[in-house]
Amino acid sequence: MRIEARCVAAVAAAVLIGLGTAGVASTQGSGQSVVFADAAAAAGIRFEHQHGGTGERYMVETMGSGLALADFDGDGWLDVYFIQNASTPGFVPTGPMVNQHFRNRGDGSFDDVTAYSNAADELYGIGVAAGDYDNDGFLDLYVTNFGANRLYRNNGDGTFSDVTVEAGVGDELWGSSTAWVDIDDDGFLDLYVVNYVDHGWDNQVFCGDSSTGVTAYCHPDVYNAVPDRLYRNAGDGTFEEIGERAGIADTVDGKGLGVVFGDYDDDGDVDAYVANDTTRNLLYINNGDTTFTEDGFLTGVGYDENGRTEAGMGTDWGDYDGDLRLDVIVTNLTLETNTLYRNLGGGFFIDSSFAAGLGEPSLLSNGFGTNWMDYDNDGDLDLFVANGHVIDNLAELAEDPGLGSPSATQTYAQVNHLYLNDGAGFFEEIHDRAGDGMALVKVSRGTAIGDVDNDGDLDVMISNSNQAADYLRNDGGSEAGNWIQLRLLGQRSNRYGIGARVFVGESVIREVRAGSSYCSSSDSRLHLGIGSAHASEIAVRWPGGETETLGVLEAGRLYVVREGRGVVAQRTAR
């Protein structure tokens, strides 16, 4: 059956798919005039990640952590919440090791409000997602840990309360990525948690070079997989764990690191894609009755084009080729590719990594965070990938530790990659001419995107392993092309419209989500590049299936859209 499915996919790939352009006037190639500035220090974002290692090389140390980029206080400016690790056995910290919350002051600078916000969390943090689970208008935080996870309810006054116990979501497995999603369209956000492996302080295994005794971080094959969790929101502040009953727990062999939800089959409900480390990636199809069917194998997104599993890290859905179907990107280990699965329709995908120009540039990099983003506002999706190896002492190893053969071409710290879409679905990697922010050489992990400075283009926040965080400010994106931003307000559906699909003209779709990339969460406002057009026809399909036409909206503005009422407010760029 696998051979038959691949043959069908191959035949379908030979069919040329026309790319409509109604409503979006493209300016392909404009991205080369956009640069990303290294702006963290100037903005006052001073987050120094520490993995708490002592040289024992516990596996968790090298996995880094994520971040959430969201407007937590409702003032119209994106704040940022970074996840910190903690001490491993024997590590003596020189100061507090806690998650940090930075408030955007709206003038290009940030304040560290960690002490006041009460969401510091001193546990060994890994991932985070921001979502309004109680529909009170304020974004809450769910933090995954190497240990018990935590839910922080936003009190609406700049502070958070730890409500983990009463909500019933304090899973103690090694959590990685997490996402808020309304699986049953009842108006309340449910919560999905991807767990990694059964590794702890008490079952550490020696890995590395047996001839010299040099240690290395272990391959995930050394440890057993652990099941994922799905918490259904009861609507009263509590959750019920239903993962196994819903068919989305993967109790057998999944070693999950990334997750993203999206309606890949365009049937009106959200499906899930899980990136697993060295085990088959999973596509969970929503059956519409609070259950899922896993079909990554037959759809063609479980393995690469050679039928091999890869070291799935981060992932994101996006329609990069303008055919109104969601495609999926997965970042992987060095000597593998950033794997792009193109959605052919009819329930089939094909590995288009090399055909689309992503394969060769990514072979010597180790990808983690990744985001589809129209950084030059030309109407098509470009791609950002954060890179950094998982072995910190490659030069010391004479033997292969199971994570790629050490060589002079592999380094621990690496440059990140920026892929420019040419408008026809082919990418050119251009980090070397995209500003000093893209020239940084670090060990990058989690990433999140959003218009941090409200100037009409998308910026990037990065959490780096055992290093300072980065803020890559987009300079020139709003001049390269016009844009429209949408802030959706659910009425019957969840408050932030998570799961809604937006149509721009006849050739562009975007979806609202809360959790993607690697262990991170991006802005829930939708940013829509429209090239040289000065206005565009916009429609919204809300969770549950109701479609609302907003009419022609002028460029250069953020529109607040309330379900059933259309545009209720708007503002221009700062």
Protein backbone atom coordinates (compact mmCIF):
# COMPACT_ATOMS: atom_id res chain seq x y z
CA MET A 1 0.00 0.00 0.00
CA ARG A 2 2.89 2.34 0.67
CA ILE A 3 4.27 1.84 -2.86
CA GLU A 4 0.86 2.47 -4.36
CA ALA A 5 0.43 5.68 -2.33
CA ARG A 6 3.84 7.00 -3.38
CA CYS A 7 3.05 6.28 -7.03
CA VAL A 8 -0.22 8.20 -6.83
CA ALA A 9 1.63 11.09 -5.19
CA ALA A 10 4.31 11.04 -7.88
CA VAL A 11 1.73 11.18 -10.67
CA ALA A 12 -0.08 14.03 -8.98
CA ALA A 13 3.19 15.92 -8.58
CA ALA A 14 3.58 15.96 -12.34
CA VAL A 15 0.42 18.02 -12.73
CA LEU A 16 1.10 21.73 -12.98
CA ILE A 17 -0.99 23.68 -10.51
CA GLY A 18 -1.91 27.20 -11.59
CA LEU A 19 -1.20 29.91 -9.05
CA GLY A 20 -3.95 32.51 -8.86
CA THR A 21 -3.00 36.08 -7.96
CA ALA A 22 -6.34 37.86 -7.62
CA GLY A 23 -6.32 40.38 -4.79
CA VAL A 24 -2.54 40.31 -4.26
CA ALA A 25 -0.19 42.25 -6.50
CA SER A 26 3.13 40.48 -6.10
CA THR A 27 6.56 42.11 -5.93
CA GLN A 28 8.76 39.02 -6.16
CA GLY A 29 12.40 39.58 -5.34
CA SER A 30 11.76 42.62 -3.12
CA GLY A 31 12.89 40.59 -0.10
CA GLN A 32 16.51 41.14 -1.05
CA SER A 33 16.25 44.81 0.02
CA VAL A 34 14.99 43.89 3.49
CA VAL A 35 17.47 43.49 6.35
CA PHE A 36 17.12 42.15 9.88
CA ALA A 37 18.85 44.16 12.60
CA ASP A 38 20.38 42.62 15.72
CA ALA A 39 18.18 44.65 18.09
CA ALA A 40 17.97 42.73 21.39
CA ALA A 41 20.47 44.82 23.35
CA ALA A 42 19.10 48.16 22.17
CA ALA A 43 15.57 47.04 23.03
CA GLY A 44 16.53 45.95 26.56
CA ILE A 45 15.79 42.28 25.99
CA ARG A 46 18.33 40.66 28.27
CA PHE A 47 17.55 36.98 28.55
CA GLU A 48 20.51 34.67 29.03
CA HIS A 49 19.56 31.04 28.64
CA GLN A 50 21.38 28.56 30.90
CA HIS A 51 21.15 24.81 30.49
CA GLY A 52 22.54 24.14 33.97
CA GLY A 53 25.04 21.51 32.83
CA THR A 54 28.13 20.33 34.71
CA GLY A 55 29.77 18.23 31.99
CA GLU A 56 27.71 15.10 32.62
CA ARG A 57 25.80 15.92 29.45
CA TYR A 58 22.29 15.04 30.48
CA MET A 59 20.29 14.84 27.26
CA VAL A 60 17.87 17.58 28.27
CA GLU A 61 20.67 20.17 28.41
CA THR A 62 21.16 20.39 24.66
CA MET A 63 17.49 20.77 23.71
CA GLY A 64 17.24 24.42 24.65
CA SER A 65 13.83 26.03 25.06
CA GLY A 66 11.16 28.15 23.43
CA LEU A 67 9.33 31.43 23.88
CA ALA A 68 5.94 33.09 23.47
CA LEU A 69 5.41 36.33 21.56
CA ALA A 70 2.02 37.76 22.52
CA ASP A 71 0.18 40.87 23.74
CA PHE A 72 -0.34 39.76 27.33
CA ASP A 73 -1.62 43.09 28.68
CA GLY A 74 -3.90 44.04 25.77
CA ASP A 75 -2.19 47.33 24.97
CA GLY A 76 -1.65 46.51 21.30
CA TRP A 77 2.09 45.79 21.61
CA LEU A 78 3.69 42.34 21.60
CA ASP A 79 5.41 41.23 24.79
CA VAL A 80 7.77 38.26 25.05
CA TYR A 81 8.06 35.40 27.53
CA PHE A 82 11.27 33.32 27.47
CA ILE A 83 11.57 29.80 28.88
CA GLN A 84 14.57 29.09 31.10
CA ASN A 85 16.13 25.75 32.03
CA ALA A 86 17.28 24.96 35.59
CA SER A 87 20.08 23.20 37.44
CA THR A 88 21.14 19.65 36.66
CA PRO A 89 22.53 17.59 39.60
CA GLY A 90 25.63 19.28 40.98
CA PHE A 91 25.16 22.60 39.17
CA VAL A 92 25.51 25.69 41.36
CA PRO A 93 23.72 28.70 39.82
CA THR A 94 25.13 32.18 40.29
CA GLY A 95 21.68 33.75 40.26
CA PRO A 96 17.99 33.01 39.70
CA MET A 97 17.19 30.63 36.85
CA VAL A 98 13.59 31.45 35.98
CA ASN A 99 11.43 32.17 32.95
CA GLN A 100 11.50 35.87 32.07
CA HIS A 101 8.68 38.15 30.97
CA PHE A 102 9.47 41.35 29.04
CA ARG A 103 6.79 44.00 28.50
CA ASN A 104 6.84 46.01 25.28
CA ARG A 105 6.81 49.72 26.13
CA GLY A 106 5.76 50.71 22.61
CA ASP A 107 8.82 52.89 22.00
CA GLY A 108 11.24 50.24 20.82
CA SER A 109 12.21 49.13 24.31
CA PHE A 110 11.13 46.47 26.82
CA ASP A 111 10.86 46.26 30.60
CA ASP A 112 11.68 43.07 32.51
CA VAL A 113 8.46 42.55 34.50
CA THR A 114 9.21 38.99 35.61
CA ALA A 115 9.10 39.72 39.33
CA TYR A 116 5.78 41.55 39.07
CA SER A 117 3.99 39.20 36.65
CA ASN A 118 4.34 36.18 38.93
CA ALA A 119 5.03 33.72 36.08
CA ALA A 120 8.74 33.15 36.69
CA ASP A 121 8.56 29.33 37.06
CA GLU A 122 11.80 27.93 38.46
CA LEU A 123 11.41 24.44 36.98
CA TYR A 124 13.43 23.07 34.06
CA GLY A 125 11.45 24.73 31.28
CA ILE A 126 11.17 23.54 27.69
CA GLY A 127 8.19 24.94 25.75
CA VAL A 128 5.28 27.36 25.93
CA ALA A 129 2.07 28.38 24.17
CA ALA A 130 -0.12 31.44 24.72
CA GLY A 131 -3.91 31.11 24.45
CA ASP A 132 -7.06 32.44 26.10
CA TYR A 133 -8.45 29.21 27.55
CA ASP A 134 -11.12 30.92 29.69
CA ASN A 135 -12.29 33.43 27.04
CA ASP A 136 -11.81 36.45 29.28
CA GLY A 137 -9.89 38.41 26.65
CA PHE A 138 -6.44 37.90 28.15
CA LEU A 139 -3.84 35.42 26.93
CA ASP A 140 -2.84 32.71 29.36
CA LEU A 141 0.38 30.67 29.39
CA TYR A 142 0.98 26.94 29.39
CA VAL A 143 4.58 25.95 30.11
CA THR A 144 6.02 22.48 29.45
CA ASN A 145 8.83 21.33 31.70
CA PHE A 146 11.32 18.56 32.24
CA GLY A 147 8.99 17.66 35.09
CA ALA A 148 5.56 18.96 36.03
CA ASN A 149 4.03 21.40 33.52
CA ARG A 150 2.33 24.60 34.62
CA LEU A 151 -0.71 26.65 33.57
CA TYR A 152 -0.65 30.37 34.32
CA ARG A 153 -3.97 32.21 34.13
CA ASN A 154 -3.72 35.85 33.07
CA ASN A 155 -5.41 38.02 35.71
CA GLY A 156 -5.79 40.97 33.34
CA ASP A 157 -3.71 43.31 35.49
CA GLY A 158 -0.25 42.33 34.34
CA THR A 159 -0.02 39.36 36.67
CA PHE A 160 -0.56 35.61 36.34
CA SER A 161 -1.82 32.95 38.77
CA ASP A 162 -0.62 29.36 38.81
CA VAL A 163 -3.82 27.31 38.34
CA THR A 164 -2.19 24.03 37.32
CA VAL A 165 -3.61 21.89 40.10
CA GLU A 166 -7.21 23.05 39.86
CA ALA A 167 -7.12 22.85 36.05
CA GLY A 168 -5.70 19.31 36.11
CA VAL A 169 -2.96 19.82 33.50
CA GLY A 170 0.24 19.21 35.50
CA ASP A 171 1.64 16.32 33.46
CA GLU A 172 5.08 15.24 34.74
CA LEU A 173 6.55 13.64 31.60
CA TRP A 174 9.24 15.42 29.59
CA GLY A 175 7.07 17.89 27.71
CA SER A 176 8.33 19.67 24.61
CA SER A 177 6.06 21.58 22.22
CA THR A 178 2.48 22.44 23.10
CA ALA A 179 -0.47 24.09 21.36
CA TRP A 180 -3.86 25.55 22.17
CA VAL A 181 -6.59 24.39 19.78
CA ASP A 182 -10.36 23.99 19.76
CA ILE A 183 -10.66 20.39 18.57
CA ASP A 184 -14.46 20.25 18.79
CA ASP A 185 -15.45 23.86 17.95
CA ASP A 186 -17.28 24.33 21.23
CA GLY A 187 -15.77 27.79 21.76
CA PHE A 188 -13.19 26.71 24.36
CA LEU A 189 -9.53 26.07 23.67
CA ASP A 190 -8.27 22.59 24.35
CA LEU A 191 -4.62 21.81 25.00
CA TYR A 192 -2.25 19.40 23.29
CA VAL A 193 1.14 18.50 24.78
CA VAL A 194 3.86 16.65 22.88
CA ASN A 195 6.14 14.58 25.12
CA TYR A 196 9.64 13.42 24.25
CA VAL A 197 11.48 10.50 25.94
CA ASP A 198 11.76 8.75 29.30
CA HIS A 199 15.00 10.39 30.42
CA GLY A 200 15.75 11.65 33.91
CA TRP A 201 18.53 12.28 36.40
CA ASP A 202 18.28 8.67 37.60
CA ASN A 203 18.61 6.84 34.25
CA GLN A 204 21.49 8.73 32.65
CA VAL A 205 23.39 6.58 30.12
CA PHE A 206 27.00 7.05 28.97
CA CYS A 207 27.13 8.15 25.35
CA GLY A 208 30.09 9.37 23.36
CA ASP A 209 33.49 8.05 22.28
CA SER A 210 34.18 4.73 23.95
CA SER A 211 37.85 4.78 22.95
CA THR A 212 38.62 8.03 24.77
CA GLY A 213 35.84 8.24 27.34
CA VAL A 214 34.69 11.61 25.97
CA THR A 215 30.99 12.04 26.71
CA ALA A 216 28.35 13.26 24.28
CA TYR A 217 24.64 13.91 24.42
CA CYS A 218 22.77 10.69 23.73
CA HIS A 219 20.85 9.71 20.64
CA PRO A 220 17.09 9.52 21.36
CA ASP A 221 17.16 5.80 20.54
CA VAL A 222 18.80 5.28 23.93
CA TYR A 223 15.55 6.15 25.74
CA ASN A 224 11.97 4.96 25.41
CA ALA A 225 9.19 7.12 24.01
CA VAL A 226 6.45 8.53 26.24
CA PRO A 227 2.82 9.29 25.25
CA ASP A 228 1.47 12.71 24.31
CA ARG A 229 -1.47 14.37 26.07
CA LEU A 230 -4.73 15.97 24.92
CA TYR A 231 -6.65 17.98 27.51
CA ARG A 232 -10.25 18.79 26.65
CA ASN A 233 -11.49 22.06 28.08
CA ALA A 234 -14.65 21.57 30.17
CA GLY A 235 -15.44 25.29 30.01
CA ASP A 236 -15.36 25.73 33.79
CA GLY A 237 -11.61 26.16 34.27
CA THR A 238 -10.87 22.43 34.33
CA PHE A 239 -9.61 19.96 31.73
CA GLU A 240 -10.00 16.23 31.10
CA GLU A 241 -7.11 14.26 29.60
CA ILE A 242 -8.50 12.29 26.62
CA GLY A 243 -5.44 11.68 24.45
CA GLU A 244 -5.58 7.90 24.24
CA ARG A 245 -9.36 7.82 23.89
CA ALA A 246 -9.17 10.43 21.13
CA GLY A 247 -6.50 8.48 19.24
CA ILE A 248 -3.89 11.23 19.46
CA ALA A 249 -1.64 10.09 22.32
CA ASP A 250 0.87 7.93 20.38
CA THR A 251 1.51 5.50 23.20
CA VAL A 252 3.91 3.32 21.16
CA ASP A 253 7.03 4.97 19.75
CA GLY A 254 6.62 8.69 19.08
CA LYS A 255 9.39 10.95 20.41
CA GLY A 256 7.76 14.29 19.82
CA LEU A 257 9.51 17.65 19.63
CA GLY A 258 7.24 19.75 17.41
CA VAL A 259 3.52 20.16 16.84
CA VAL A 260 1.31 22.40 14.72
CA PHE A 261 -2.43 22.36 14.06
CA GLY A 262 -4.06 23.32 10.76
CA ASP A 263 -6.91 22.33 8.48
CA TYR A 264 -4.81 20.55 5.87
CA ASP A 265 -7.80 18.83 4.18
CA ASP A 266 -10.00 21.94 4.20
CA ASP A 267 -12.95 20.20 5.85
CA GLY A 268 -13.53 22.85 8.50
CA ASP A 269 -11.78 21.28 11.50
CA VAL A 270 -8.18 21.34 12.65
CA ASP A 271 -5.73 18.49 12.12
CA ALA A 272 -2.39 17.96 13.88
CA TYR A 273 1.11 17.33 12.61
CA VAL A 274 3.70 16.02 15.06
CA ALA A 275 7.44 16.09 14.32
CA ASN A 276 9.09 13.08 16.00
CA ASP A 277 12.80 12.67 16.63
CA THR A 278 14.08 9.62 14.67
CA THR A 279 10.64 8.02 14.62
CA ARG A 280 7.91 8.46 12.01
CA ASN A 281 6.22 11.85 11.93
CA LEU A 282 2.47 11.75 12.50
CA LEU A 283 -0.52 13.35 10.81
CA TYR A 284 -3.66 13.23 12.95
CA ILE A 285 -6.81 13.77 10.92
CA ASN A 286 -9.70 15.27 12.88
CA ASN A 287 -12.79 13.06 12.50
CA GLY A 288 -15.11 15.81 13.72
CA ASP A 289 -16.27 13.82 16.76
CA THR A 290 -13.44 14.52 19.22
CA THR A 291 -11.37 11.66 17.79
CA PHE A 292 -8.46 11.58 15.37
CA THR A 293 -7.16 9.09 12.81
CA GLU A 294 -3.39 8.94 12.30
CA ASP A 295 -2.46 8.70 8.60
CA GLY A 296 1.05 10.09 8.18
CA PHE A 297 2.25 6.90 6.50
CA LEU A 298 -0.21 6.77 3.59
CA THR A 299 -0.45 10.54 3.11
CA GLY A 300 3.31 10.73 2.62
CA VAL A 301 4.38 12.97 5.52
CA GLY A 302 5.79 10.33 7.86
CA TYR A 303 9.13 9.79 6.13
CA ASP A 304 11.43 11.60 3.72
CA GLU A 305 11.46 10.88 -0.01
CA ASN A 306 13.77 7.91 0.55
CA GLY A 307 11.44 6.29 3.08
CA ARG A 308 13.62 7.17 6.06
CA THR A 309 12.70 8.67 9.39
CA GLU A 310 14.41 11.93 10.31
CA ALA A 311 15.20 13.86 13.47
CA GLY A 312 12.06 16.03 13.46
CA MET A 313 12.48 19.18 15.57
CA GLY A 314 10.27 22.12 14.59
CA THR A 315 7.30 22.33 12.24
CA ASP A 316 4.81 24.73 10.71
CA TRP A 317 1.88 24.67 8.26
CA GLY A 318 1.68 27.20 5.42
CA ASP A 319 0.54 27.50 1.80
CA TYR A 320 3.84 28.41 0.15
CA ASP A 321 2.77 27.77 -3.47
CA GLY A 322 -0.58 29.59 -3.54
CA ASP A 323 -2.79 26.60 -4.36
CA LEU A 324 -4.99 27.11 -1.26
CA ARG A 325 -3.71 23.92 0.38
CA LEU A 326 -1.58 23.83 3.53
CA ASP A 327 1.92 22.43 3.12
CA VAL A 328 4.14 21.45 6.05
CA ILE A 329 7.80 22.08 6.86
CA VAL A 330 9.86 19.99 9.31
CA THR A 331 13.39 20.87 10.47
CA ASN A 332 15.87 18.05 10.99
CA LEU A 333 19.42 17.08 11.92
CA THR A 334 22.64 17.80 10.07
CA LEU A 335 23.00 15.62 6.94
CA GLU A 336 19.21 15.60 6.65
CA THR A 337 17.14 18.34 5.04
CA ASN A 338 14.63 20.90 6.09
CA THR A 339 11.90 18.66 4.71
CA LEU A 340 9.05 20.28 2.82
CA TYR A 341 5.93 18.21 2.20
CA ARG A 342 3.84 19.75 -0.57
CA ASN A 343 0.11 19.17 -0.27
CA LEU A 344 -1.14 17.68 -3.54
CA GLY A 345 -4.77 17.48 -2.44
CA GLY A 346 -6.81 14.31 -2.21
CA GLY A 347 -5.02 13.29 0.96
CA PHE A 348 -1.50 13.08 -0.50
CA PHE A 349 1.77 14.95 -0.01
CA ILE A 350 5.13 14.73 -1.74
CA ASP A 351 8.60 15.54 -0.39
CA SER A 352 9.52 18.66 -2.38
CA SER A 353 12.57 19.69 -0.34
CA PHE A 354 15.09 19.59 -3.18
CA ALA A 355 12.63 20.58 -5.90
CA ALA A 356 11.74 23.74 -3.97
CA GLY A 357 15.35 24.67 -3.19
CA LEU A 358 15.35 23.88 0.53
CA GLY A 359 17.25 20.59 0.46
CA GLU A 360 20.83 21.41 -0.46
CA PRO A 361 21.28 24.59 1.67
CA SER A 362 20.03 22.79 4.78
CA LEU A 363 22.16 19.62 4.62
CA LEU A 364 25.01 20.95 6.78
CA SER A 365 22.74 22.70 9.28
CA ASN A 366 20.77 21.40 12.25
CA GLY A 367 17.34 23.03 12.23
CA PHE A 368 15.10 23.66 15.24
CA GLY A 369 12.64 26.55 15.19
CA THR A 370 10.95 27.35 11.89
CA ASN A 371 8.28 29.77 10.73
CA TRP A 372 6.50 30.51 7.48
CA MET A 373 6.47 34.30 7.21
CA ASP A 374 5.93 36.85 4.48
CA TYR A 375 8.79 39.04 5.67
CA ASP A 376 8.87 41.21 2.51
CA ASN A 377 5.07 41.66 2.22
CA ASP A 378 4.95 40.43 -1.39
CA GLY A 379 2.04 38.06 -0.80
CA ASP A 380 3.86 34.73 -0.70
CA LEU A 381 5.33 32.86 2.25
CA ASP A 382 9.06 32.90 2.88
CA LEU A 383 10.72 30.64 5.45
CA PHE A 384 12.89 31.22 8.51
CA VAL A 385 14.88 28.37 10.10
CA ALA A 386 16.87 28.58 13.34
CA ASN A 387 19.99 26.40 13.36
CA GLY A 388 22.32 24.91 15.97
CA HIS A 389 23.79 21.45 16.45
CA VAL A 390 22.94 19.17 19.38
CA ILE A 391 26.52 17.94 20.02
CA ASP A 392 28.59 20.66 21.72
CA ASN A 393 31.97 18.89 21.49
CA LEU A 394 32.05 17.61 17.90
CA ALA A 395 35.78 18.23 17.53
CA GLU A 396 36.59 15.94 20.49
CA LEU A 397 34.76 12.94 19.12
CA ALA A 398 36.62 10.41 17.03
CA GLU A 399 33.60 8.13 16.82
CA ASP A 400 30.11 8.80 15.57
CA PRO A 401 27.90 9.35 18.65
CA GLY A 402 24.86 8.46 16.58
CA LEU A 403 24.00 12.03 15.71
CA GLY A 404 25.94 12.56 12.49
CA SER A 405 29.61 11.96 11.71
CA PRO A 406 31.82 14.72 13.16
CA SER A 407 33.71 16.62 10.50
CA ALA A 408 35.21 19.99 9.79
CA THR A 409 31.97 21.01 8.08
CA GLN A 410 29.84 20.58 11.21
CA THR A 411 29.81 23.10 14.04
CA TYR A 412 27.82 23.50 17.23
CA ALA A 413 26.96 27.17 16.69
CA GLN A 414 25.52 27.91 13.25
CA VAL A 415 24.01 30.74 11.25
CA ASN A 416 20.24 30.78 10.84
CA HIS A 417 18.68 30.57 7.40
CA LEU A 418 16.26 32.83 5.56
CA TYR A 419 14.62 31.44 2.43
CA LEU A 420 13.13 33.89 -0.07
CA ASN A 421 10.12 32.61 -2.06
CA ASP A 422 10.35 33.61 -5.72
CA GLY A 423 6.56 33.61 -6.06
CA ALA A 424 6.48 30.34 -7.97
CA GLY A 425 7.26 28.09 -5.03
CA PHE A 426 11.07 28.04 -5.29
CA PHE A 427 13.31 29.29 -2.49
CA GLU A 428 16.70 31.00 -2.39
CA GLU A 429 18.64 31.02 0.87
CA ILE A 430 19.75 34.64 1.48
CA HIS A 431 20.84 35.01 5.12
CA ASP A 432 24.25 36.35 4.01
CA ARG A 433 22.68 39.48 2.56
CA ALA A 434 19.84 40.02 5.01
CA GLY A 435 21.47 42.15 7.71
CA ASP A 436 23.59 41.73 10.83
CA GLY A 437 20.80 39.88 12.64
CA MET A 438 20.97 37.08 10.10
CA ALA A 439 24.77 36.95 10.39
CA LEU A 440 24.74 35.85 14.04
CA VAL A 441 26.37 32.48 14.74
CA LYS A 442 24.69 30.83 17.71
CA VAL A 443 23.06 27.63 18.96
CA SER A 444 19.47 28.57 18.16
CA ARG A 445 16.37 26.69 19.30
CA GLY A 446 12.87 28.20 19.71
CA THR A 447 11.54 30.94 17.41
CA ALA A 448 8.46 33.15 17.25
CA ILE A 449 7.33 35.81 14.78
CA GLY A 450 5.18 38.92 14.95
CA ASP A 451 5.19 42.66 14.25
CA VAL A 452 6.97 43.61 17.46
CA ASP A 453 7.34 47.32 16.66
CA ASN A 454 3.97 47.71 14.88
CA ASP A 455 5.57 49.10 11.73
CA GLY A 456 3.89 46.74 9.27
CA ASP A 457 6.43 43.94 8.87
CA LEU A 458 7.28 40.70 10.67
CA ASP A 459 10.13 40.48 13.18
CA VAL A 460 11.75 37.38 14.70
CA MET A 461 12.50 36.43 18.33
CA ILE A 462 14.94 33.59 19.03
CA SER A 463 15.85 31.62 22.14
CA ASN A 464 19.42 30.30 21.99
CA SER A 465 20.87 27.42 24.00
CA ASN A 466 23.16 28.60 26.82
CA GLN A 467 23.39 32.02 25.18
CA ALA A 468 21.61 35.36 25.04
CA ALA A 469 18.30 35.60 23.18
CA ASP A 470 18.01 37.49 19.89
CA TYR A 471 15.51 40.01 18.54
CA LEU A 472 15.80 40.36 14.78
CA ARG A 473 14.02 43.57 13.83
CA ASN A 474 12.74 43.69 10.25
CA ASP A 475 13.90 46.89 8.60
CA GLY A 476 12.40 47.50 5.18
CA GLY A 477 9.64 44.92 4.96
CA SER A 478 6.88 47.52 5.21
CA GLU A 479 8.51 49.53 2.43
CA ALA A 480 9.00 46.51 0.17
CA GLY A 481 5.28 45.74 0.07
CA ASN A 482 1.89 46.72 1.49
CA TRP A 483 0.17 44.84 4.28
CA ILE A 484 -3.02 44.24 6.25
CA GLN A 485 -3.21 42.89 9.81
CA LEU A 486 -6.22 41.21 11.43
CA ARG A 487 -7.01 40.74 15.10
CA LEU A 488 -9.90 38.26 15.26
CA LEU A 489 -12.39 38.27 18.13
CA GLY A 490 -14.51 35.15 18.40
CA GLN A 491 -18.10 35.40 19.59
CA ARG A 492 -19.46 31.89 19.23
CA SER A 493 -15.94 30.55 18.68
CA ASN A 494 -12.96 30.97 21.01
CA ARG A 495 -12.06 34.55 21.87
CA TYR A 496 -8.91 34.84 19.73
CA GLY A 497 -10.29 32.93 16.74
CA ILE A 498 -7.69 30.19 16.98
CA GLY A 499 -8.31 27.85 14.04
CA ALA A 500 -9.92 30.49 11.82
CA ARG A 501 -8.94 30.63 8.15
CA VAL A 502 -8.56 33.95 6.33
CA PHE A 503 -8.83 34.31 2.55
CA VAL A 504 -7.01 37.14 0.78
CA GLY A 505 -8.37 37.53 -2.72
CA GLU A 506 -8.51 34.21 -4.55
CA SER A 507 -4.99 32.89 -4.04
CA VAL A 508 -3.94 33.36 -0.42
CA ILE A 509 -5.00 31.60 2.78
CA ARG A 510 -3.65 32.09 6.29
CA GLU A 511 -4.72 30.47 9.58
CA VAL A 512 -4.69 31.61 13.20
CA ARG A 513 -2.84 29.28 15.56
CA ALA A 514 -1.43 29.19 19.07
CA GLY A 515 1.69 27.04 19.08
CA SER A 516 4.12 26.02 16.32
CA SER A 517 7.82 26.12 15.38
CA TYR A 518 9.87 24.44 18.12
CA CYS A 519 8.46 24.76 21.65
CA SER A 520 7.19 28.26 20.87
CA SER A 521 4.16 30.44 20.21
CA SER A 522 3.89 33.34 17.75
CA ASP A 523 1.57 36.36 17.56
CA SER A 524 -2.08 35.36 17.04
CA ARG A 525 -2.71 38.44 14.90
CA LEU A 526 -2.60 37.59 11.21
CA HIS A 527 -0.15 39.54 9.07
CA LEU A 528 -1.04 39.62 5.38
CA GLY A 529 1.40 40.92 2.78
CA ILE A 530 -0.34 42.17 -0.37
CA GLY A 531 2.58 43.41 -2.48
CA SER A 532 1.93 46.56 -4.51
CA ALA A 533 -1.85 46.41 -4.02
CA HIS A 534 -3.42 49.17 -1.96
CA ALA A 535 -6.41 47.12 -0.81
CA SER A 536 -7.64 43.56 -0.91
CA GLU A 537 -10.81 41.51 -0.60
CA ILE A 538 -10.79 39.65 2.74
CA ALA A 539 -13.00 36.87 4.09
CA VAL A 540 -12.86 34.85 7.32
CA ARG A 541 -13.98 31.28 7.92
CA TRP A 542 -14.48 31.03 11.66
CA PRO A 543 -14.02 27.82 13.66
CA GLY A 544 -17.19 25.85 13.09
CA GLY A 545 -17.41 26.77 9.42
CA GLU A 546 -19.28 30.12 9.21
CA THR A 547 -17.73 32.34 6.54
CA GLU A 548 -17.87 36.11 6.84
CA THR A 549 -16.95 38.48 4.01
CA LEU A 550 -15.22 41.63 5.20
CA GLY A 551 -15.16 43.33 1.83
CA VAL A 552 -12.24 45.32 0.45
CA LEU A 553 -9.86 46.50 3.18
CA GLU A 554 -7.28 49.23 2.71
CA ALA A 555 -3.61 48.41 3.19
CA GLY A 556 -1.47 49.75 6.02
CA ARG A 557 -3.93 49.08 8.85
CA LEU A 558 -4.70 46.62 11.59
CA TYR A 559 -8.39 45.66 11.65
CA VAL A 560 -10.19 44.26 14.68
CA VAL A 561 -12.80 41.80 13.42
CA ARG A 562 -15.57 40.50 15.67
CA GLU A 563 -17.34 37.30 14.63
CA GLY A 564 -20.72 38.14 13.12
CA ARG A 565 -20.12 41.89 13.11
CA GLY A 566 -17.18 42.36 10.77
CA VAL A 567 -14.64 45.13 11.32
CA VAL A 568 -15.29 46.91 14.62
CA ALA A 569 -12.07 48.91 14.94
CA GLN A 570 -8.93 49.76 13.01
CA ARG A 571 -5.66 51.60 13.38
CA THR A 572 -2.76 52.55 11.14
CA ALA A 573 0.86 51.63 11.78
CA ARG A 574 2.64 53.54 14.55
